[in-house]
Amino acid sequence: MGQVVARESKTRGERMDRPLTRLPDVESLEGPLDLLPGEKEAAGVHKGKISDWQAFVLLSLTTISTPVFTQPSKAYWILGYGGWQLILVGGAVAAIGIIASGALAKRFPRDTYVRYSRASLGRLFGAITAFALALWYFAAGAHDSFLMGRAVKLALLYETPIEAIFIGGALGVIYLAWGGLERLARFAEVSLIVIIPLLIFMMLTPMQHAEPGNLLPVFLFPARQYTTLKFWLAAYMYRGFAILYMIQPYMANPHRAGTIAFWSTVVAAAFFALTFAYPVMVFGMEVSRVVVWPFWTVVRITRFSGFPVEKLLYFATVAWHLMTTVSSTVFLYLTGTTLAELVGLRQYRPLLFLLTPAWAVVSLMPRSYMQFHMMDDAYVALGWVATIILPMVVLLVSRVRQVKGGE
């Protein structure tokens, strides 16, 4: 009997020594938060934990996958002379999102965005805020898959109908998303075997036609561009921080979410600068402005001694395909988990069979790059609202209510 009492006393002491989570702070904002039926189970749709390294890989690939290879042409098209300023301003824009996601991760390390947005803004406005994030996740996945499908068709499967490519891609995305966050993280790590050589190639490849003097006009930037809407839409390019809102409770160290997001953004900015500089050094600014995918055009015209450029282009496209598969799957997976938690489903997997066809249809809707740019502008505008403005509102309201509650 004495041993049982001692054991209970020891267990009670261990519980007292454990650090308290911030969950009581969330509930103290409005008293106990009433959950929809099944919402407690929905909050646990992620299984297991991911390490800091896995979180860094996911954020880096999600940020690098598409903007690095497509944003340069958009920068030339919109701004003319002004790429380096766009890189810096884009970093400042991402810093706002990193601050919001990092602060919310420290404040609510055990909760997803759905839970603490409802606790902070109320059930209705919190649900609207979380739904906006889910809608952006869906749009981001469709945005990436549009570019991925057409890149695969042009470089690898030219004779294959684009619809067949999307069907194959959708099956692969469902398989990865079905396994949950841990399978996604493992796939991202394995894909580095192909991706890292591509990144090394981007840094070390010599170009016979490069003229560094072509970069001089890039530093001449008309100040009036800062007043245009197109500039601020283009400046939203580093979006990896946005996945933290839903995966932070399932990270091994959620308090380090902001640091991980910062370094993943630095990596993405470095490679964006690299892919921006390559075409300008080869073609000059005026030619680069009219090239749809300038970096891939550089790869096509560059010759390497003893290495066929066609094989290099094939390898580079496969690596890009892997990166974009990671990002598209992450966004589709987060769409499903966010909606599942919103409506109180115990599992997100049934939603994948509804979301994937809709995702493929939206990806196939643009029939020209002009239509794609219009869709891209809408996706970016939604990103500003759903991943930066509304999370800052949630953070501000939660802090104000905590201060009032403390008084």
Foldseek 3Di string as FASTA:
>chain_A
DVVVVVVVVVVVVVVVPDDDALVVLLCLLPHHDDADAQLVLLFPQFDAFDELVLLLLLLLLLQQLPCLFFLLLLCCQQFPQADVVLLVLLLVLVLLLLVLLLVVCRNHQQGFQLSSLCSQVNLPVSLVLLLLLLVLLLLSLLLLVLVLLVLCCVQPNVPDDSLVSLVVLLVVLLVQLVVHDVSLSVLSVVLCVLQVVVVVCLVPPDFPQFAQVLCVSNPDGDPCSVVDPSSVLSSNRSQSLQLSNGCSNRYPDSSCSSVSNSVSSVVSSVSSVSLSSVLCRRPHSVVSNPDRRRSLVSLVVGDDVPDDSSVVSVSNSVSSSSSSSSNSSSSLSVSQSSVCSSNNHSHSSVCSVVSSVVSSCSSPPDPDVVVSVVSSSVSSVSCCVNSRVSSVVSVVSSVVSSVVSVD
